[in-house]
């Protein structure tokens, strides 16, 4: 797994938004992913290509359609690599404080 590709893919707001949409409803076509997006179809296509290259999105063909699926494995691998060195209880407490502060 290329962690640099994963970090690069996750660095963009539009790509994270596409991943969020797939997390909510997996197996969407390009047309479905473009609905309601503030960017062009061409931009969505380019972002999906970056996500595919980072192995964050998997594509399956169904007839003439291409269905896009979220692949959470690379995100999990990165999280385990970086977060396993910290105490989960302390991280949860710090996260809770941050949420309370932002509300």
N, C-alpha and C. Protein backbone atom coordinates (compact mmCIF):
# COMPACT_ATOMS: atom_id res chain seq x y z
N UNK A 1 0.85 -1.18 0.00
CA UNK A 1 0.00 0.00 0.00
C UNK A 1 0.89 1.24 0.00
N UNK A 2 0.56 2.19 -0.84
CA UNK A 2 1.30 3.44 -0.93
C UNK A 2 0.64 4.46 0.00
N UNK A 3 1.22 4.63 1.19
CA UNK A 3 0.63 5.56 2.16
C UNK A 3 0.65 7.00 1.66
N UNK A 4 1.66 7.37 0.88
CA UNK A 4 1.71 8.72 0.33
C UNK A 4 0.52 8.99 -0.57
N UNK A 5 0.13 7.99 -1.36
CA UNK A 5 -1.03 8.14 -2.24
C UNK A 5 -2.31 8.29 -1.42
N UNK A 6 -2.40 7.54 -0.32
CA UNK A 6 -3.58 7.64 0.54
C UNK A 6 -3.65 9.02 1.17
N UNK A 7 -2.53 9.49 1.74
CA UNK A 7 -2.51 10.83 2.35
C UNK A 7 -2.81 11.90 1.31
N UNK A 8 -2.23 11.77 0.13
CA UNK A 8 -2.48 12.74 -0.94
C UNK A 8 -3.94 12.76 -1.34
N UNK A 9 -4.54 11.59 -1.46
CA UNK A 9 -5.95 11.51 -1.84
C UNK A 9 -6.84 12.12 -0.77
N UNK A 10 -6.51 11.88 0.49
CA UNK A 10 -7.32 12.39 1.60
C UNK A 10 -7.11 13.88 1.86
N UNK A 11 -6.09 14.46 1.26
CA UNK A 11 -5.77 15.86 1.52
C UNK A 11 -6.75 16.84 0.88
N UNK A 12 -7.56 16.37 -0.05
CA UNK A 12 -8.47 17.26 -0.79
C UNK A 12 -9.90 17.16 -0.25
N UNK A 13 -10.52 18.31 -0.02
CA UNK A 13 -11.90 18.36 0.49
C UNK A 13 -12.89 17.66 -0.43
N UNK A 14 -12.75 17.86 -1.73
CA UNK A 14 -13.69 17.26 -2.68
C UNK A 14 -13.60 15.74 -2.67
N UNK A 15 -12.39 15.23 -2.56
CA UNK A 15 -12.22 13.77 -2.51
C UNK A 15 -12.79 13.20 -1.21
N UNK A 16 -12.58 13.91 -0.11
CA UNK A 16 -13.16 13.45 1.16
C UNK A 16 -14.68 13.48 1.09
N UNK A 17 -15.23 14.47 0.41
CA UNK A 17 -16.69 14.55 0.25
C UNK A 17 -17.21 13.36 -0.57
N UNK A 18 -16.47 12.98 -1.60
CA UNK A 18 -16.87 11.81 -2.39
C UNK A 18 -16.82 10.54 -1.55
N UNK A 19 -15.78 10.40 -0.73
CA UNK A 19 -15.69 9.24 0.16
C UNK A 19 -16.84 9.23 1.16
N UNK A 20 -17.20 10.39 1.68
CA UNK A 20 -18.33 10.48 2.61
C UNK A 20 -19.63 10.05 1.94
N UNK A 21 -19.81 10.45 0.68
CA UNK A 21 -21.02 10.05 -0.05
C UNK A 21 -21.05 8.54 -0.25
N UNK A 22 -19.90 7.96 -0.55
CA UNK A 22 -19.85 6.51 -0.73
C UNK A 22 -20.03 5.77 0.60
N UNK A 23 -19.57 6.38 1.67
CA UNK A 23 -19.76 5.76 2.99
C UNK A 23 -21.25 5.72 3.33
N UNK A 24 -21.98 6.76 2.96
CA UNK A 24 -23.41 6.82 3.23
C UNK A 24 -24.20 5.89 2.31
N UNK A 25 -23.77 5.82 1.05
CA UNK A 25 -24.46 4.95 0.07
C UNK A 25 -23.43 4.43 -0.91
N UNK A 26 -23.01 3.21 -0.71
CA UNK A 26 -21.97 2.59 -1.52
C UNK A 26 -22.54 2.14 -2.86
N UNK A 27 -21.66 2.00 -3.87
CA UNK A 27 -22.07 1.48 -5.16
C UNK A 27 -22.78 2.50 -6.04
N UNK A 28 -22.25 3.71 -6.12
CA UNK A 28 -22.87 4.75 -6.92
C UNK A 28 -22.18 4.89 -8.27
N UNK A 29 -22.95 5.32 -9.26
CA UNK A 29 -22.41 5.62 -10.58
C UNK A 29 -21.80 7.02 -10.56
N UNK A 30 -21.09 7.34 -11.62
CA UNK A 30 -20.51 8.69 -11.75
C UNK A 30 -21.62 9.73 -11.72
N UNK A 31 -22.70 9.48 -12.44
CA UNK A 31 -23.82 10.44 -12.48
C UNK A 31 -24.38 10.68 -11.08
N UNK A 32 -24.53 9.61 -10.30
CA UNK A 32 -25.05 9.76 -8.94
C UNK A 32 -24.07 10.54 -8.07
N UNK A 33 -22.79 10.29 -8.23
CA UNK A 33 -21.78 11.00 -7.43
C UNK A 33 -21.70 12.48 -7.82
N UNK A 34 -22.06 12.80 -9.04
CA UNK A 34 -22.01 14.20 -9.51
C UNK A 34 -23.20 15.02 -9.02
N UNK A 35 -24.31 14.35 -8.70
CA UNK A 35 -25.52 15.07 -8.28
C UNK A 35 -25.25 15.96 -7.08
N UNK A 36 -25.59 17.23 -7.22
CA UNK A 36 -25.46 18.16 -6.11
C UNK A 36 -24.05 18.59 -5.78
N UNK A 37 -23.09 18.21 -6.59
CA UNK A 37 -21.70 18.59 -6.33
C UNK A 37 -21.42 20.00 -6.87
N UNK A 38 -20.63 20.78 -6.16
CA UNK A 38 -20.30 22.12 -6.62
C UNK A 38 -19.19 22.13 -7.67
N UNK A 39 -18.77 20.94 -8.14
CA UNK A 39 -17.70 20.85 -9.13
C UNK A 39 -18.23 20.14 -10.38
N UNK A 40 -17.50 20.27 -11.47
CA UNK A 40 -17.94 19.70 -12.74
C UNK A 40 -17.80 18.18 -12.76
N UNK A 41 -18.45 17.57 -13.72
CA UNK A 41 -18.35 16.12 -13.91
C UNK A 41 -16.90 15.71 -14.17
N UNK A 42 -16.21 16.53 -14.97
CA UNK A 42 -14.81 16.23 -15.27
C UNK A 42 -13.95 16.26 -14.01
N UNK A 43 -14.24 17.20 -13.12
CA UNK A 43 -13.48 17.29 -11.87
C UNK A 43 -13.78 16.08 -10.98
N UNK A 44 -15.04 15.66 -10.93
CA UNK A 44 -15.40 14.47 -10.15
C UNK A 44 -14.65 13.26 -10.71
N UNK A 45 -14.61 13.13 -12.03
CA UNK A 45 -13.90 12.02 -12.67
C UNK A 45 -12.43 12.02 -12.29
N UNK A 46 -11.79 13.19 -12.30
CA UNK A 46 -10.37 13.29 -11.93
C UNK A 46 -10.16 12.91 -10.47
N UNK A 47 -11.05 13.38 -9.60
CA UNK A 47 -10.94 13.04 -8.17
C UNK A 47 -11.13 11.54 -7.95
N UNK A 48 -12.07 10.94 -8.67
CA UNK A 48 -12.28 9.50 -8.53
C UNK A 48 -11.06 8.72 -8.99
N UNK A 49 -10.40 9.20 -10.03
CA UNK A 49 -9.19 8.53 -10.51
C UNK A 49 -8.10 8.54 -9.43
N UNK A 50 -7.93 9.67 -8.75
CA UNK A 50 -6.95 9.76 -7.66
C UNK A 50 -7.33 8.79 -6.54
N UNK A 51 -8.61 8.73 -6.21
CA UNK A 51 -9.08 7.83 -5.16
C UNK A 51 -8.88 6.37 -5.54
N UNK A 52 -9.10 6.05 -6.82
CA UNK A 52 -8.87 4.68 -7.31
C UNK A 52 -7.39 4.33 -7.23
N UNK A 53 -6.52 5.26 -7.64
CA UNK A 53 -5.08 5.01 -7.61
C UNK A 53 -4.57 4.80 -6.19
N UNK A 54 -5.23 5.43 -5.22
CA UNK A 54 -4.86 5.25 -3.81
C UNK A 54 -5.56 4.03 -3.21
N UNK A 55 -6.34 3.32 -4.02
CA UNK A 55 -7.07 2.13 -3.62
C UNK A 55 -8.15 2.43 -2.57
N UNK A 56 -8.61 3.68 -2.54
CA UNK A 56 -9.67 4.07 -1.62
C UNK A 56 -11.05 3.85 -2.22
N UNK A 57 -11.10 3.76 -3.55
CA UNK A 57 -12.35 3.49 -4.26
C UNK A 57 -12.11 2.33 -5.21
N UNK A 58 -13.03 1.38 -5.17
CA UNK A 58 -12.99 0.24 -6.08
C UNK A 58 -14.13 0.39 -7.08
N UNK A 59 -13.88 -0.01 -8.33
CA UNK A 59 -14.89 0.14 -9.37
C UNK A 59 -15.27 -1.24 -9.91
N UNK A 60 -16.56 -1.47 -9.96
CA UNK A 60 -17.08 -2.69 -10.55
C UNK A 60 -17.99 -2.31 -11.72
N UNK A 61 -17.85 -3.04 -12.80
CA UNK A 61 -18.71 -2.79 -13.96
C UNK A 61 -19.99 -3.61 -13.83
N UNK A 62 -21.09 -2.95 -14.13
CA UNK A 62 -22.40 -3.61 -14.20
C UNK A 62 -23.00 -3.19 -15.53
N UNK A 63 -22.82 -4.05 -16.52
CA UNK A 63 -23.24 -3.67 -17.87
C UNK A 63 -22.40 -2.51 -18.35
N UNK A 64 -23.06 -1.42 -18.72
CA UNK A 64 -22.35 -0.23 -19.19
C UNK A 64 -22.01 0.73 -18.06
N UNK A 65 -22.51 0.44 -16.87
CA UNK A 65 -22.27 1.32 -15.73
C UNK A 65 -21.02 0.89 -14.97
N UNK A 66 -20.41 1.89 -14.36
CA UNK A 66 -19.30 1.65 -13.43
C UNK A 66 -19.79 2.06 -12.05
N UNK A 67 -19.79 1.11 -11.13
CA UNK A 67 -20.22 1.40 -9.76
C UNK A 67 -19.00 1.60 -8.89
N UNK A 68 -19.03 2.66 -8.10
CA UNK A 68 -17.91 3.04 -7.24
C UNK A 68 -18.22 2.63 -5.81
N UNK A 69 -17.24 1.97 -5.19
CA UNK A 69 -17.39 1.48 -3.82
C UNK A 69 -16.23 1.98 -2.97
N UNK A 70 -16.54 2.35 -1.74
CA UNK A 70 -15.53 2.76 -0.78
C UNK A 70 -14.74 1.54 -0.33
N UNK A 71 -13.42 1.68 -0.30
CA UNK A 71 -12.55 0.65 0.25
C UNK A 71 -11.90 1.24 1.50
N UNK A 72 -12.39 0.91 2.70
CA UNK A 72 -11.87 1.51 3.92
C UNK A 72 -10.55 0.91 4.41
N UNK A 73 -10.08 -0.14 3.78
CA UNK A 73 -8.87 -0.83 4.26
C UNK A 73 -7.65 0.09 4.31
N UNK A 74 -7.35 0.87 3.25
CA UNK A 74 -6.17 1.74 3.34
C UNK A 74 -6.28 2.80 4.45
N UNK A 75 -7.47 3.31 4.67
CA UNK A 75 -7.67 4.30 5.74
C UNK A 75 -7.42 3.64 7.10
N UNK A 76 -7.93 2.43 7.25
CA UNK A 76 -7.72 1.70 8.50
C UNK A 76 -6.23 1.41 8.72
N UNK A 77 -5.54 1.02 7.67
CA UNK A 77 -4.11 0.72 7.79
C UNK A 77 -3.32 1.94 8.22
N UNK A 78 -3.65 3.09 7.63
CA UNK A 78 -2.97 4.33 8.01
C UNK A 78 -3.30 4.69 9.45
N UNK A 79 -4.57 4.55 9.82
CA UNK A 79 -4.98 4.88 11.19
C UNK A 79 -4.26 3.98 12.19
N UNK A 80 -4.18 2.70 11.89
CA UNK A 80 -3.50 1.78 12.82
C UNK A 80 -2.01 2.09 12.91
N UNK A 81 -1.42 2.45 11.79
CA UNK A 81 0.02 2.78 11.76
C UNK A 81 0.32 4.00 12.62
N UNK A 82 -0.56 5.02 12.56
CA UNK A 82 -0.28 6.27 13.25
C UNK A 82 -0.93 6.36 14.62
N UNK A 83 -2.09 5.75 14.78
CA UNK A 83 -2.82 5.93 16.04
C UNK A 83 -2.56 4.84 17.06
N UNK A 84 -2.07 3.69 16.63
CA UNK A 84 -1.87 2.60 17.58
C UNK A 84 -0.82 2.95 18.63
N UNK A 85 0.03 3.92 18.32
CA UNK A 85 1.06 4.29 19.28
C UNK A 85 0.53 5.17 20.41
N UNK A 86 -0.72 5.61 20.29
CA UNK A 86 -1.32 6.46 21.31
C UNK A 86 -2.34 5.66 22.12
N UNK A 87 -2.56 6.08 23.31
CA UNK A 87 -3.54 5.44 24.18
C UNK A 87 -4.95 5.82 23.72
N UNK A 88 -5.75 4.84 23.36
CA UNK A 88 -7.10 5.09 22.84
C UNK A 88 -7.98 5.83 23.85
N UNK A 89 -7.86 5.51 25.11
CA UNK A 89 -8.67 6.17 26.13
C UNK A 89 -8.37 7.66 26.17
N UNK A 90 -7.10 8.01 26.13
CA UNK A 90 -6.71 9.43 26.15
C UNK A 90 -7.17 10.13 24.87
N UNK A 91 -7.03 9.48 23.74
CA UNK A 91 -7.49 10.07 22.48
C UNK A 91 -8.99 10.32 22.50
N UNK A 92 -9.76 9.37 23.02
CA UNK A 92 -11.21 9.54 23.12
C UNK A 92 -11.55 10.72 24.01
N UNK A 93 -10.84 10.86 25.13
CA UNK A 93 -11.09 11.97 26.05
C UNK A 93 -10.76 13.31 25.39
N UNK A 94 -9.63 13.38 24.68
CA UNK A 94 -9.27 14.61 23.99
C UNK A 94 -10.26 14.96 22.89
N UNK A 95 -10.71 13.95 22.17
CA UNK A 95 -11.69 14.17 21.12
C UNK A 95 -13.00 14.69 21.71
N UNK A 96 -13.43 14.12 22.82
CA UNK A 96 -14.66 14.57 23.48
C UNK A 96 -14.54 16.03 23.91
N UNK A 97 -13.36 16.42 24.43
CA UNK A 97 -13.15 17.81 24.83
C UNK A 97 -13.23 18.74 23.62
N UNK A 98 -12.65 18.32 22.52
CA UNK A 98 -12.68 19.13 21.31
C UNK A 98 -14.11 19.31 20.80
N UNK A 99 -14.89 18.25 20.83
CA UNK A 99 -16.29 18.32 20.38
C UNK A 99 -17.09 19.25 21.27
N UNK A 100 -16.90 19.12 22.59
CA UNK A 100 -17.61 19.99 23.54
C UNK A 100 -17.24 21.45 23.32
N UNK A 101 -15.97 21.70 23.08
CA UNK A 101 -15.49 23.07 22.90
C UNK A 101 -16.06 23.69 21.62
N UNK A 102 -16.22 22.89 20.57
CA UNK A 102 -16.69 23.43 19.29
C UNK A 102 -18.20 23.65 19.27
N UNK A 103 -18.91 23.04 20.21
CA UNK A 103 -20.38 23.19 20.23
C UNK A 103 -20.82 24.44 20.89
